[in-house]
C-alpha atoms as a PDB file:
ATOM      1  CA  MET A   1     105.043 104.889 123.305  1.00  0.00           C
ATOM      2  CA  PHE A   2     103.118 102.503 121.585  1.00  0.00           C
ATOM      3  CA  ARG A   3      99.779 101.075 122.432  1.00  0.00           C
ATOM      4  CA  LYS A   4      99.624  97.682 121.311  1.00  0.00           C
ATOM      5  CA  LYS A   5      97.294  96.293 119.040  1.00  0.00           C
ATOM      6  CA  ARG A   6      94.707  93.504 119.100  1.00  0.00           C
ATOM      7  CA  ILE A   7      95.456  90.689 116.506  1.00  0.00           C
ATOM      8  CA  THR A   8      93.282  88.475 114.510  1.00  0.00           C
ATOM      9  CA  MET A   9      93.273  86.204 110.985  1.00  0.00           C
ATOM     10  CA  SER A  10      92.205  88.461 107.455  1.00  0.00           C
ATOM     11  CA  ALA A  11      91.800  85.697 104.347  1.00  0.00           C
ATOM     12  CA  SER A  12      92.885  88.777 102.340  1.00  0.00           C
ATOM     13  CA  MET A  13      94.909  91.567 101.887  1.00  0.00           C
ATOM     14  CA  LEU A  14      93.107  95.206 100.687  1.00  0.00           C
ATOM     15  CA  ILE A  15      95.810  96.605  98.341  1.00  0.00           C
ATOM     16  CA  GLY A  16      95.131  99.520  96.201  1.00  0.00           C
ATOM     17  CA  ALA A  17      96.524  99.511  92.393  1.00  0.00           C
ATOM     18  CA  LEU A  18      98.282 102.507  91.203  1.00  0.00           C
ATOM     19  CA  ALA A  19     101.450 102.049  88.410  1.00  0.00           C
ATOM     20  CA  LEU A  20     103.952 104.597  88.730  1.00  0.00           C
ATOM     21  CA  VAL A  21     107.107 103.869  90.299  1.00  0.00           C
ATOM     22  CA  SER A  22     109.024 106.969  91.457  1.00  0.00           C
ATOM     23  CA  CYS A  23     111.866 105.967  92.928  1.00  0.00           C
ATOM     24  CA  GLY A  24     112.143 102.453  91.083  1.00  0.00           C
ATOM     25  CA  SER A  25     111.106 102.418  87.447  1.00  0.00           C
ATOM     26  CA  VAL A  26     108.535 100.506  85.839  1.00  0.00           C
ATOM     27  CA  ALA A  27     104.963  99.168  87.355  1.00  0.00           C
ATOM     28  CA  SER A  28     102.863  97.440  85.732  1.00  0.00           C
ATOM     29  CA  SER A  29      99.544  95.826  85.567  1.00  0.00           C
ATOM     30  CA  SER A  30     101.965  92.436  86.517  1.00  0.00           C
ATOM     31  CA  GLU A  31     102.568  93.738  90.048  1.00  0.00           C
ATOM     32  CA  ASP A  32      99.180  95.117  90.074  1.00  0.00           C
ATOM     33  CA  GLN A  33      98.139  91.666  89.274  1.00  0.00           C
ATOM     34  CA  ASN A  34      99.661  90.146  92.185  1.00  0.00           C
ATOM     35  CA  ALA A  35      98.832  92.886  94.547  1.00  0.00           C
ATOM     36  CA  THR A  36      94.991  91.969  93.940  1.00  0.00           C
ATOM     37  CA  ASP A  37      95.329  87.988  93.568  1.00  0.00           C
ATOM     38  CA  GLY A  38      97.197  87.233  97.018  1.00  0.00           C
ATOM     39  CA  THR A  39      94.280  85.755  99.279  1.00  0.00           C
ATOM     40  CA  GLN A  40      97.250  84.748 101.666  1.00  0.00           C
ATOM     41  CA  THR A  41      95.458  85.018 105.099  1.00  0.00           C
ATOM     42  CA  THR A  42      97.759  86.507 107.434  1.00  0.00           C
ATOM     43  CA  GLU A  43      97.290  88.698 110.501  1.00  0.00           C
ATOM     44  CA  SER A  44      95.481  91.664 109.882  1.00  0.00           C
ATOM     45  CA  TRP A  45      96.423  95.317 111.682  1.00  0.00           C
ATOM     46  CA  GLU A  46      94.017  96.663 114.177  1.00  0.00           C
ATOM     47  CA  ALA A  47      94.235 100.681 114.230  1.00  0.00           C
ATOM     48  CA  PRO A  48      94.089 101.887 118.210  1.00  0.00           C
ATOM     49  CA  ASP A  49      91.492 103.531 119.100  1.00  0.00           C
ATOM     50  CA  GLY A  50      91.136 107.809 118.634  1.00  0.00           C
ATOM     51  CA  LEU A  51      93.761 108.529 115.675  1.00  0.00           C
ATOM     52  CA  SER A  52      92.411 111.291 113.695  1.00  0.00           C
ATOM     53  CA  GLY A  53      93.306 113.984 111.877  1.00  0.00           C
ATOM     54  CA  GLU A  54      96.403 114.112 109.197  1.00  0.00           C
ATOM     55  CA  ILE A  55      99.878 113.161 108.536  1.00  0.00           C
ATOM     56  CA  SER A  56     102.528 114.052 105.851  1.00  0.00           C
ATOM     57  CA  TYR A  57     104.405 110.784 104.267  1.00  0.00           C
ATOM     58  CA  TYR A  58     107.250 111.585 102.219  1.00  0.00           C
ATOM     59  CA  SER A  59     108.128 108.375 100.180  1.00  0.00           C
ATOM     60  CA  ALA A  60     110.548 106.903  97.842  1.00  0.00           C
ATOM     61  CA  ASN A  61     108.746 103.494  97.247  1.00  0.00           C
ATOM     62  CA  PRO A  62     107.652 102.705  94.240  1.00  0.00           C
ATOM     63  CA  GLN A  63     104.486 104.611  93.445  1.00  0.00           C
ATOM     64  CA  GLY A  64     102.514 101.461  93.621  1.00  0.00           C
ATOM     65  CA  LEU A  65     103.604 100.659  96.565  1.00  0.00           C
ATOM     66  CA  THR A  66     102.917 103.729  98.606  1.00  0.00           C
ATOM     67  CA  ASP A  67      99.663 104.003  97.075  1.00  0.00           C
ATOM     68  CA  ASP A  68      98.828 100.566  98.172  1.00  0.00           C
ATOM     69  CA  LEU A  69      99.841 101.254 102.098  1.00  0.00           C
ATOM     70  CA  VAL A  70      98.145 104.401 102.716  1.00  0.00           C
ATOM     71  CA  ALA A  71      95.153 102.876 101.115  1.00  0.00           C
ATOM     72  CA  ALA A  72      95.377  99.959 103.547  1.00  0.00           C
ATOM     73  CA  PHE A  73      95.871 102.388 106.426  1.00  0.00           C
ATOM     74  CA  GLU A  74      93.600 105.208 105.178  1.00  0.00           C
ATOM     75  CA  GLU A  75      90.923 102.453 105.244  1.00  0.00           C
ATOM     76  CA  LYS A  76      91.890 101.430 109.117  1.00  0.00           C
ATOM     77  CA  THR A  77      91.744 105.128 110.202  1.00  0.00           C
ATOM     78  CA  ASP A  78      90.242 108.165 109.986  1.00  0.00           C
ATOM     79  CA  VAL A  79      93.831 109.765 109.647  1.00  0.00           C
ATOM     80  CA  LYS A  80      94.331 111.790 105.855  1.00  0.00           C
ATOM     81  CA  VAL A  81      97.902 110.652 104.932  1.00  0.00           C
ATOM     82  CA  ASN A  82      98.900 113.540 102.529  1.00  0.00           C
ATOM     83  CA  VAL A  83     102.165 111.960 100.192  1.00  0.00           C
ATOM     84  CA  TYR A  84     105.294 113.496  99.024  1.00  0.00           C
ATOM     85  CA  ALA A  85     106.450 110.965  96.395  1.00  0.00           C
ATOM     86  CA  ASP A  86     110.063 111.355  94.419  1.00  0.00           C
ATOM     87  CA  THR A  87     113.686 109.926  95.128  1.00  0.00           C
ATOM     88  CA  THR A  88     116.142 109.933  97.757  1.00  0.00           C
ATOM     89  CA  GLY A  89     118.252 112.931  96.962  1.00  0.00           C
ATOM     90  CA  LYS A  90     115.269 115.363  96.390  1.00  0.00           C
ATOM     91  CA  ILE A  91     112.956 114.298  99.900  1.00  0.00           C
ATOM     92  CA  THR A  92     116.854 114.840 101.860  1.00  0.00           C
ATOM     93  CA  ALA A  93     116.615 118.648  99.225  1.00  0.00           C
ATOM     94  CA  ARG A  94     113.612 119.286 100.676  1.00  0.00           C
ATOM     95  CA  LEU A  95     113.468 118.425 104.329  1.00  0.00           C
ATOM     96  CA  LYS A  96     116.412 120.733 104.062  1.00  0.00           C
ATOM     97  CA  ALA A  97     114.816 123.557 102.251  1.00  0.00           C
ATOM     98  CA  GLU A  98     111.692 123.206 104.963  1.00  0.00           C
ATOM     99  CA  GLU A  99     114.328 123.073 107.919  1.00  0.00           C
ATOM    100  CA  ALA A 100     112.546 126.413 109.594  1.00  0.00           C
ATOM    101  CA  ASN A 101     108.714 125.192 108.397  1.00  0.00           C
ATOM    102  CA  PRO A 102     109.216 121.088 108.750  1.00  0.00           C
ATOM    103  CA  GLN A 103     106.166 119.487 107.105  1.00  0.00           C
ATOM    104  CA  ALA A 104     106.751 115.461 107.041  1.00  0.00           C
ATOM    105  CA  ASP A 105     105.737 113.418 110.206  1.00  0.00           C
ATOM    106  CA  LEU A 106     106.770 110.357 108.590  1.00  0.00           C
ATOM    107  CA  VAL A 107     109.628 109.873 106.149  1.00  0.00           C
ATOM    108  CA  TYR A 108     111.260 107.048 104.579  1.00  0.00           C
ATOM    109  CA  MET A 109     114.040 106.576 101.755  1.00  0.00           C
ATOM    110  CA  ALA A 110     116.098 104.419 100.250  1.00  0.00           C
ATOM    111  CA  SER A 111     119.063 105.340 101.945  1.00  0.00           C
ATOM    112  CA  TRP A 112     121.071 104.431 104.897  1.00  0.00           C
ATOM    113  CA  ASP A 113     123.075 106.844 104.855  1.00  0.00           C
ATOM    114  CA  ALA A 114     120.757 109.212 104.245  1.00  0.00           C
ATOM    115  CA  ALA A 115     118.976 108.180 107.088  1.00  0.00           C
ATOM    116  CA  THR A 116     121.826 108.055 109.225  1.00  0.00           C
ATOM    117  CA  GLU A 117     122.692 111.887 108.024  1.00  0.00           C
ATOM    118  CA  GLN A 118     119.167 112.704 109.123  1.00  0.00           C
ATOM    119  CA  SER A 119     119.487 111.094 112.647  1.00  0.00           C
ATOM    120  CA  SER A 120     123.167 113.237 113.288  1.00  0.00           C
ATOM    121  CA  ALA A 121     120.853 116.912 111.977  1.00  0.00           C
ATOM    122  CA  GLY A 122     118.947 115.688 115.348  1.00  0.00           C
ATOM    123  CA  THR A 123     115.603 115.868 113.057  1.00  0.00           C
ATOM    124  CA  LEU A 124     114.345 112.509 114.207  1.00  0.00           C
ATOM    125  CA  ALA A 125     112.563 111.177 117.272  1.00  0.00           C
ATOM    126  CA  PRO A 126     112.949 107.746 118.409  1.00  0.00           C
ATOM    127  CA  TYR A 127     110.536 105.153 117.994  1.00  0.00           C
ATOM    128  CA  THR A 128     110.247 101.363 117.946  1.00  0.00           C
ATOM    129  CA  PRO A 129     107.216 100.354 115.660  1.00  0.00           C
ATOM    130  CA  GLU A 130     105.420  97.156 116.159  1.00  0.00           C
ATOM    131  CA  GLY A 131     107.421  94.109 114.560  1.00  0.00           C
ATOM    132  CA  SER A 132     110.353  95.953 114.296  1.00  0.00           C
ATOM    133  CA  ASP A 133     111.686  93.201 116.834  1.00  0.00           C
ATOM    134  CA  GLN A 134     111.821  90.520 113.675  1.00  0.00           C
ATOM    135  CA  VAL A 135     113.523  92.537 111.099  1.00  0.00           C
ATOM    136  CA  HIS A 136     117.174  91.307 109.911  1.00  0.00           C
ATOM    137  CA  GLU A 137     119.761  92.477 112.000  1.00  0.00           C
ATOM    138  CA  GLY A 138     121.924  95.040 111.377  1.00  0.00           C
ATOM    139  CA  TRP A 139     118.740  96.531 110.151  1.00  0.00           C
ATOM    140  CA  ALA A 140     116.737  98.942 113.279  1.00  0.00           C
ATOM    141  CA  THR A 141     118.608 101.539 115.233  1.00  0.00           C
ATOM    142  CA  GLU A 142     116.957 104.095 118.192  1.00  0.00           C
ATOM    143  CA  GLU A 143     115.658 106.544 115.233  1.00  0.00           C
ATOM    144  CA  PHE A 144     114.883 104.077 112.075  1.00  0.00           C
ATOM    145  CA  VAL A 145     114.497 100.816 111.075  1.00  0.00           C
ATOM    146  CA  GLY A 146     114.883  99.375 107.844  1.00  0.00           C
ATOM    147  CA  ARG A 147     110.987  98.049 106.759  1.00  0.00           C
ATOM    148  CA  ASP A 148     111.858  97.281 103.301  1.00  0.00           C
ATOM    149  CA  GLY A 149     114.819  96.647 100.534  1.00  0.00           C
ATOM    150  CA  SER A 150     115.931  95.433  97.443  1.00  0.00           C
ATOM    151  CA  ALA A 151     119.169  93.976  96.056  1.00  0.00           C
ATOM    152  CA  LEU A 152     121.334  95.281  93.708  1.00  0.00           C
ATOM    153  CA  ALA A 153     121.308  93.643  90.305  1.00  0.00           C
ATOM    154  CA  LEU A 154     123.160  93.076  87.061  1.00  0.00           C
ATOM    155  CA  VAL A 155     119.888  93.665  84.812  1.00  0.00           C
ATOM    156  CA  VAL A 156     120.283  92.472  81.166  1.00  0.00           C
ATOM    157  CA  ASN A 157     117.894  93.444  78.271  1.00  0.00           C
ATOM    158  CA  THR A 158     118.424  90.322  76.435  1.00  0.00           C
ATOM    159  CA  ASN A 159     117.470  91.764  73.285  1.00  0.00           C
ATOM    160  CA  ALA A 160     120.113  93.869  73.490  1.00  0.00           C
ATOM    161  CA  THR A 161     123.065  92.083  74.138  1.00  0.00           C
ATOM    162  CA  ASP A 162     123.984  87.906  73.595  1.00  0.00           C
ATOM    163  CA  ALA A 163     126.458  88.723  76.410  1.00  0.00           C
ATOM    164  CA  THR A 164     125.695  87.436  80.055  1.00  0.00           C
ATOM    165  CA  PRO A 165     127.942  88.847  82.668  1.00  0.00           C
ATOM    166  CA  SER A 166     128.169  87.114  85.938  1.00  0.00           C
ATOM    167  CA  ASP A 167     129.903  89.661  87.809  1.00  0.00           C
ATOM    168  CA  TRP A 168     129.925  93.649  88.564  1.00  0.00           C
ATOM    169  CA  ALA A 169     134.060  93.405  86.256  1.00  0.00           C
ATOM    170  CA  ASP A 170     132.502  91.726  83.175  1.00  0.00           C
ATOM    171  CA  LEU A 171     131.085  95.201  82.311  1.00  0.00           C
ATOM    172  CA  THR A 172     134.570  96.279  81.532  1.00  0.00           C
ATOM    173  CA  ASP A 173     135.519  93.746  79.118  1.00  0.00           C
ATOM    174  CA  PRO A 174     135.108  94.810  75.188  1.00  0.00           C
ATOM    175  CA  GLU A 175     131.580  93.479  74.511  1.00  0.00           C
ATOM    176  CA  TYR A 176     129.916  96.215  76.921  1.00  0.00           C
ATOM    177  CA  LYS A 177     131.817  99.012  75.387  1.00  0.00           C
ATOM    178  CA  ASP A 178     128.676 101.656  76.015  1.00  0.00           C
ATOM    179  CA  GLN A 179     126.299  99.793  76.513  1.00  0.00           C
ATOM    180  CA  VAL A 180     126.222 100.409  80.833  1.00  0.00           C
ATOM    181  CA  ILE A 181     124.408 102.803  82.623  1.00  0.00           C
ATOM    182  CA  MET A 182     124.141 103.164  86.304  1.00  0.00           C
ATOM    183  CA  PRO A 183     122.354 105.312  88.351  1.00  0.00           C
ATOM    184  CA  ASP A 184     123.283 108.254  90.036  1.00  0.00           C
ATOM    185  CA  PRO A 185     124.357 108.496  93.355  1.00  0.00           C
ATOM    186  CA  ARG A 186     123.442 111.742  93.690  1.00  0.00           C
ATOM    187  CA  GLU A 187     119.611 111.025  93.001  1.00  0.00           C
ATOM    188  CA  SER A 188     119.251 107.263  93.680  1.00  0.00           C
ATOM    189  CA  GLY A 189     119.763 106.511  97.223  1.00  0.00           C
ATOM    190  CA  THR A 190     120.167 102.830  96.599  1.00  0.00           C
ATOM    191  CA  ALA A 191     123.282 103.439  93.724  1.00  0.00           C
ATOM    192  CA  ALA A 192     125.234 105.884  96.844  1.00  0.00           C
ATOM    193  CA  ASP A 193     125.151 102.566  99.543  1.00  0.00           C
ATOM    194  CA  LEU A 194     126.377 100.398  96.944  1.00  0.00           C
ATOM    195  CA  ILE A 195     129.673 102.265  95.894  1.00  0.00           C
ATOM    196  CA  THR A 196     129.999 102.829  99.816  1.00  0.00           C
ATOM    197  CA  ALA A 197     129.119  99.026 100.701  1.00  0.00           C
ATOM    198  CA  MET A 198     132.106  98.347  98.065  1.00  0.00           C
ATOM    199  CA  VAL A 199     134.493 100.673  99.984  1.00  0.00           C
ATOM    200  CA  ALA A 200     133.698  99.246 102.638  1.00  0.00           C
ATOM    201  CA  HIS A 201     134.303  95.896 102.308  1.00  0.00           C
ATOM    202  CA  GLN A 202     137.459  95.990  99.524  1.00  0.00           C
ATOM    203  CA  GLY A 203     138.598  99.023  99.493  1.00  0.00           C
ATOM    204  CA  LYS A 204     139.237 102.403  97.635  1.00  0.00           C
ATOM    205  CA  GLN A 205     141.975 101.288  95.624  1.00  0.00           C
ATOM    206  CA  GLU A 206     139.628  98.265  94.157  1.00  0.00           C
ATOM    207  CA  THR A 207     136.292 100.034  93.870  1.00  0.00           C
ATOM    208  CA  TRP A 208     138.504 103.370  92.399  1.00  0.00           C
ATOM    209  CA  LYS A 209     139.676 100.684  89.379  1.00  0.00           C
ATOM    210  CA  LEU A 210     136.582  98.650  89.295  1.00  0.00           C
ATOM    211  CA  PHE A 211     134.682 102.571  88.084  1.00  0.00           C
ATOM    212  CA  ASP A 212     137.860 103.137  86.487  1.00  0.00           C
ATOM    213  CA  GLY A 213     137.505  99.812  84.086  1.00  0.00           C
ATOM    214  CA  LEU A 214     134.256 101.025  83.739  1.00  0.00           C
ATOM    215  CA  PHE A 215     133.734 104.415  82.338  1.00  0.00           C
ATOM    216  CA  GLU A 216     136.683 103.871  80.132  1.00  0.00           C
ATOM    217  CA  ASN A 217     134.571 101.413  78.313  1.00  0.00           C
ATOM    218  CA  GLY A 218     131.938 104.105  78.390  1.00  0.00           C
ATOM    219  CA  MET A 219     129.293 103.653  81.338  1.00  0.00           C
ATOM    220  CA  VAL A 220     127.280 106.559  81.542  1.00  0.00           C
ATOM    221  CA  VAL A 221     125.647 107.752  84.997  1.00  0.00           C
ATOM    222  CA  GLN A 222     122.099 109.282  83.953  1.00  0.00           C
ATOM    223  CA  GLY A 223     119.306 109.612  86.786  1.00  0.00           C
ATOM    224  CA  ALA A 224     117.333 107.407  89.569  1.00  0.00           C
ATOM    225  CA  ASN A 225     116.695 104.403  89.596  1.00  0.00           C
ATOM    226  CA  GLY A 226     113.978 104.841  87.132  1.00  0.00           C
ATOM    227  CA  PRO A 227     115.485 106.119  84.254  1.00  0.00           C
ATOM    228  CA  ALA A 228     117.966 104.058  84.174  1.00  0.00           C
ATOM    229  CA  LEU A 229     116.077 100.755  83.394  1.00  0.00           C
ATOM    230  CA  ASP A 230     113.908 102.869  81.351  1.00  0.00           C
ATOM    231  CA  THR A 231     116.812 103.470  78.931  1.00  0.00           C
ATOM    232  CA  VAL A 232     117.313  99.135  78.808  1.00  0.00           C
ATOM    233  CA  THR A 233     114.443  98.397  78.932  1.00  0.00           C
ATOM    234  CA  ALA A 234     113.699 100.345  75.896  1.00  0.00           C
ATOM    235  CA  GLY A 235     117.415  99.178  74.475  1.00  0.00           C
ATOM    236  CA  SER A 236     119.154 102.052  74.028  1.00  0.00           C
ATOM    237  CA  LYS A 237     122.045 100.371  77.026  1.00  0.00           C
ATOM    238  CA  ALA A 238     121.917  96.574  77.099  1.00  0.00           C
ATOM    239  CA  VAL A 239     122.839  96.575  80.952  1.00  0.00           C
ATOM    240  CA  VAL A 240     122.154  98.493  84.694  1.00  0.00           C
ATOM    241  CA  PHE A 241     124.415  98.577  87.131  1.00  0.00           C
ATOM    242  CA  GLY A 242     122.830  98.421  90.119  1.00  0.00           C
ATOM    243  CA  GLY A 243     120.026  98.175  89.242  1.00  0.00           C
ATOM    244  CA  VAL A 244     117.199  97.601  91.585  1.00  0.00           C
ATOM    245  CA  ASP A 245     116.228  94.183  91.785  1.00  0.00           C
ATOM    246  CA  TYR A 246     111.994  94.652  91.911  1.00  0.00           C
ATOM    247  CA  SER A 247     111.694  97.074  89.718  1.00  0.00           C
ATOM    248  CA  ALA A 248     113.162  94.749  86.888  1.00  0.00           C
ATOM    249  CA  TYR A 249     111.175  92.129  88.342  1.00  0.00           C
ATOM    250  CA  SER A 250     108.212  93.846  87.414  1.00  0.00           C
ATOM    251  CA  ALA A 251     108.823  94.862  84.555  1.00  0.00           C
ATOM    252  CA  ARG A 252     110.198  91.556  83.318  1.00  0.00           C
ATOM    253  CA  ASP A 253     107.077  90.118  84.570  1.00  0.00           C
ATOM    254  CA  GLU A 254     105.170  92.633  82.172  1.00  0.00           C
ATOM    255  CA  GLY A 255     106.780  90.813  79.364  1.00  0.00           C
ATOM    256  CA  GLU A 256     110.247  92.941  79.490  1.00  0.00           C
ATOM    257  CA  ALA A 257     112.952  91.181  77.818  1.00  0.00           C
ATOM    258  CA  LEU A 258     115.030  91.190  81.201  1.00  0.00           C
ATOM    259  CA  GLU A 259     117.495  89.046  83.268  1.00  0.00           C
ATOM    260  CA  VAL A 260     118.313  90.285  86.501  1.00  0.00           C
ATOM    261  CA  ILE A 261     121.697  88.801  87.785  1.00  0.00           C
ATOM    262  CA  ILE A 262     122.426  88.608  91.161  1.00  0.00           C
ATOM    263  CA  PRO A 263     127.143  89.385  90.791  1.00  0.00           C
ATOM    264  CA  ASP A 264     128.956  86.313  91.957  1.00  0.00           C
ATOM    265  CA  SER A 265     130.974  88.450  93.826  1.00  0.00           C
ATOM    266  CA  GLY A 266     128.181  90.012  96.105  1.00  0.00           C
ATOM    267  CA  THR A 267     125.924  93.246  96.127  1.00  0.00           C
ATOM    268  CA  THR A 268     124.497  95.150  98.552  1.00  0.00           C
ATOM    269  CA  VAL A 269     120.346  94.465  99.884  1.00  0.00           C
ATOM    270  CA  THR A 270     119.850  97.807 101.040  1.00  0.00           C
ATOM    271  CA  PRO A 271     117.245  98.714 104.050  1.00  0.00           C
ATOM    272  CA  ARG A 272     115.122 101.085 103.220  1.00  0.00           C
ATOM    273  CA  PRO A 273     114.098 103.249 106.414  1.00  0.00           C
ATOM    274  CA  LEU A 274     110.994 104.351 107.798  1.00  0.00           C
ATOM    275  CA  MET A 275     111.790 107.534 110.258  1.00  0.00           C
ATOM    276  CA  ILE A 276     109.429 109.621 112.388  1.00  0.00           C
ATOM    277  CA  MET A 277     110.413 113.072 112.511  1.00  0.00           C
ATOM    278  CA  GLU A 278     110.633 115.021 115.920  1.00  0.00           C
ATOM    279  CA  SER A 279     108.525 118.039 114.176  1.00  0.00           C
ATOM    280  CA  SER A 280     105.628 115.733 113.569  1.00  0.00           C
ATOM    281  CA  ASP A 281     101.822 117.473 114.839  1.00  0.00           C
ATOM    282  CA  ASN A 282     100.831 113.979 114.797  1.00  0.00           C
ATOM    283  CA  ALA A 283     102.517 111.811 116.359  1.00  0.00           C
ATOM    284  CA  GLN A 284     100.088 109.138 117.469  1.00  0.00           C
ATOM    285  CA  ALA A 285      99.199 108.580 114.078  1.00  0.00           C
ATOM    286  CA  ALA A 286     102.519 109.260 112.815  1.00  0.00           C
ATOM    287  CA  GLU A 287     103.413 105.802 115.121  1.00  0.00           C
ATOM    288  CA  ALA A 288     100.501 104.120 113.996  1.00  0.00           C
ATOM    289  CA  PHE A 289     101.688 104.186 110.176  1.00  0.00           C
ATOM    290  CA  ALA A 290     104.743 103.278 111.041  1.00  0.00           C
ATOM    291  CA  ASP A 291     103.007 100.467 113.202  1.00  0.00           C
ATOM    292  CA  PHE A 292     101.355  99.155 109.992  1.00  0.00           C
ATOM    293  CA  MET A 293     104.545  98.913 107.773  1.00  0.00           C
ATOM    294  CA  PHE A 294     106.020  96.582 110.212  1.00  0.00           C
ATOM    295  CA  SER A 295     102.950  94.794 111.056  1.00  0.00           C
ATOM    296  CA  ALA A 296     102.867  91.139 109.166  1.00  0.00           C
ATOM    297  CA  GLU A 297      99.783  92.914 107.024  1.00  0.00           C
ATOM    298  CA  GLY A 298     102.110  95.863 105.623  1.00  0.00           C
ATOM    299  CA  GLN A 299     105.072  93.485 105.110  1.00  0.00           C
ATOM    300  CA  GLU A 300     103.033  91.581 103.051  1.00  0.00           C
ATOM    301  CA  VAL A 301     102.228  94.450 100.940  1.00  0.00           C
ATOM    302  CA  SER A 302     106.049  94.855 100.502  1.00  0.00           C
ATOM    303  CA  ALA A 303     106.608  91.444  99.314  1.00  0.00           C
ATOM    304  CA  GLN A 304     103.380  91.648  97.041  1.00  0.00           C
ATOM    305  CA  ARG A 305     105.092  94.649  95.873  1.00  0.00           C
ATOM    306  CA  ASN A 306     108.141  92.507  94.984  1.00  0.00           C
ATOM    307  CA  MET A 307     110.835  93.941  97.445  1.00  0.00           C
ATOM    308  CA  ILE A 308     112.549  92.173 100.057  1.00  0.00           C
ATOM    309  CA  PRO A 309     110.197  92.348 103.410  1.00  0.00           C
ATOM    310  CA  GLY A 310     112.158  94.211 106.180  1.00  0.00           C
ATOM    311  CA  ARG A 311     110.828  91.479 108.656  1.00  0.00           C
ATOM    312  CA  GLU A 312     112.742  87.876 108.828  1.00  0.00           C
ATOM    313  CA  ASP A 313     109.162  85.573 108.863  1.00  0.00           C
ATOM    314  CA  VAL A 314     107.760  87.276 105.507  1.00  0.00           C
ATOM    315  CA  ALA A 315     108.910  86.018 102.970  1.00  0.00           C
ATOM    316  CA  THR A 316     110.140  87.201  99.321  1.00  0.00           C
ATOM    317  CA  GLN A 317     107.824  86.608  96.701  1.00  0.00           C
ATOM    318  CA  ALA A 318     110.272  87.473  93.481  1.00  0.00           C
ATOM    319  CA  GLY A 319     113.879  86.484  93.337  1.00  0.00           C
ATOM    320  CA  PRO A 320     116.093  84.796  95.605  1.00  0.00           C
ATOM    321  CA  GLN A 321     115.573  84.920  99.453  1.00  0.00           C
ATOM    322  CA  PHE A 322     117.075  87.562 101.937  1.00  0.00           C
ATOM    323  CA  GLU A 323     119.732  84.414 103.077  1.00  0.00           C
ATOM    324  CA  GLU A 324     120.185  83.440  99.810  1.00  0.00           C
ATOM    325  CA  ILE A 325     121.860  86.519  98.570  1.00  0.00           C
ATOM    326  CA  ASP A 326     125.673  87.211  99.278  1.00  0.00           C
ATOM    327  CA  GLN A 327     126.133  90.718 100.446  1.00  0.00           C
ATOM    328  CA  LEU A 328     129.509  92.852 100.042  1.00  0.00           C
ATOM    329  CA  ALA A 329     128.480  93.187 103.369  1.00  0.00           C
ATOM    330  CA  THR A 330     125.487  93.864 106.282  1.00  0.00           C
ATOM    331  CA  ASP A 331     126.746  96.716 109.226  1.00  0.00           C
ATOM    332  CA  TRP A 332     124.779  99.612 107.487  1.00  0.00           C
ATOM    333  CA  ASP A 333     125.947 101.371 110.607  1.00  0.00           C
ATOM    334  CA  GLU A 334     130.226 100.498 110.078  1.00  0.00           C
ATOM    335  CA  ILE A 335     129.458 101.027 106.330  1.00  0.00           C
ATOM    336  CA  VAL A 336     128.517 104.455 107.047  1.00  0.00           C
ATOM    337  CA  GLU A 337     131.221 105.200 109.313  1.00  0.00           C
ATOM    338  CA  SER A 338     134.210 103.835 107.276  1.00  0.00           C
ATOM    339  CA  SER A 339     133.347 105.266 104.183  1.00  0.00           C
ATOM    340  CA  GLU A 340     132.147 108.880 104.807  1.00  0.00           C
ATOM    341  CA  GLY A 341     133.096 111.309 102.255  1.00  0.00           C
ATOM    342  CA  VAL A 342     132.449 108.244  99.530  1.00  0.00           C
ATOM    343  CA  THR A 343     129.928 109.306  97.472  1.00  0.00           C
ATOM    344  CA  ASP A 344     130.995 112.618  96.962  1.00  0.00           C
ATOM    345  CA  GLU A 345     134.404 111.350  96.129  1.00  0.00           C
ATOM    346  CA  PHE A 346     133.041 110.016  93.013  1.00  0.00           C
ATOM    347  CA  VAL A 347     131.172 112.775  91.751  1.00  0.00           C
ATOM    348  CA  GLU A 348     134.178 114.603  91.437  1.00  0.00           C
ATOM    349  CA  ARG A 349     136.205 111.566  90.294  1.00  0.00           C
ATOM    350  CA  TYR A 350     133.889 110.980  87.152  1.00  0.00           C
ATOM    351  CA  LEU A 351     130.962 112.689  87.117  1.00  0.00           C
ATOM    352  CA  ASP A 352     132.234 116.420  87.612  1.00  0.00           C
END
């Protein structure tokens, strides 16, 4: 299905610089600085001959990362990439609405569960991007592969509280009364995956016990990852429960008083899957864009945007390395299968 590309060496990476996070939150000038200052030598991806036309790319990436990847790919090819950027929830809803007349060629989501649902619906084309053999164990299926990821953390505004939580359950303590916000799992794919992983790891009884305590202590659920972090950055709340690490690191680098804490009992490093739609009318270009995103060059773009690269041979540039993070569970296919309906049950218990 794929033509092999020639590999050369380049002294720098082509990185664009726009600064609004769509599924994440604060995109900063320091984030752009990280992206443009890097002069690491890395493998430069070369496109196959003959690519042309347009593709539609639906992306739940942070906007700056999407812009960087698209700019680099368009520079290397004659392909025009049309981007629809939004949260995983809204992308899923758009795909559903377009079932009779599919528009997307390539889709990137922030939730393994959401990608699994697309696969079950028969909307995906099998593909194996070049470089995907380097990804973390359990991050690849025949139809989608996790191209980067984010660790979910306790993100604390140190100006809003003197307390420092070390684990999820600490936020049920009285000192955090009415000070905690969580992204809505109906909008945030990573929040949905966190709940699912907790249930897979410790069962529903212990998971609902934790959330019972959190809601009794005044935790609110609101918006996707970006609005939740913005609320804490502004000081209206003190802690994000399950904040995406890359947005918090970017805001911290911009000078915000944020501390990013990986919970002692473990968390999720959610693989963010990339998939090609079966209905694509420019599959060659869509496959080439996927190849680029899994190349060492494309993975470095993610690292420079504070994401955890999917490839094991590309290092994380912010926060701990992938192997240093204690994870609640790592087999995402098993997590999804064993926790079917968990998000709906969470919504029914706490949000309806």
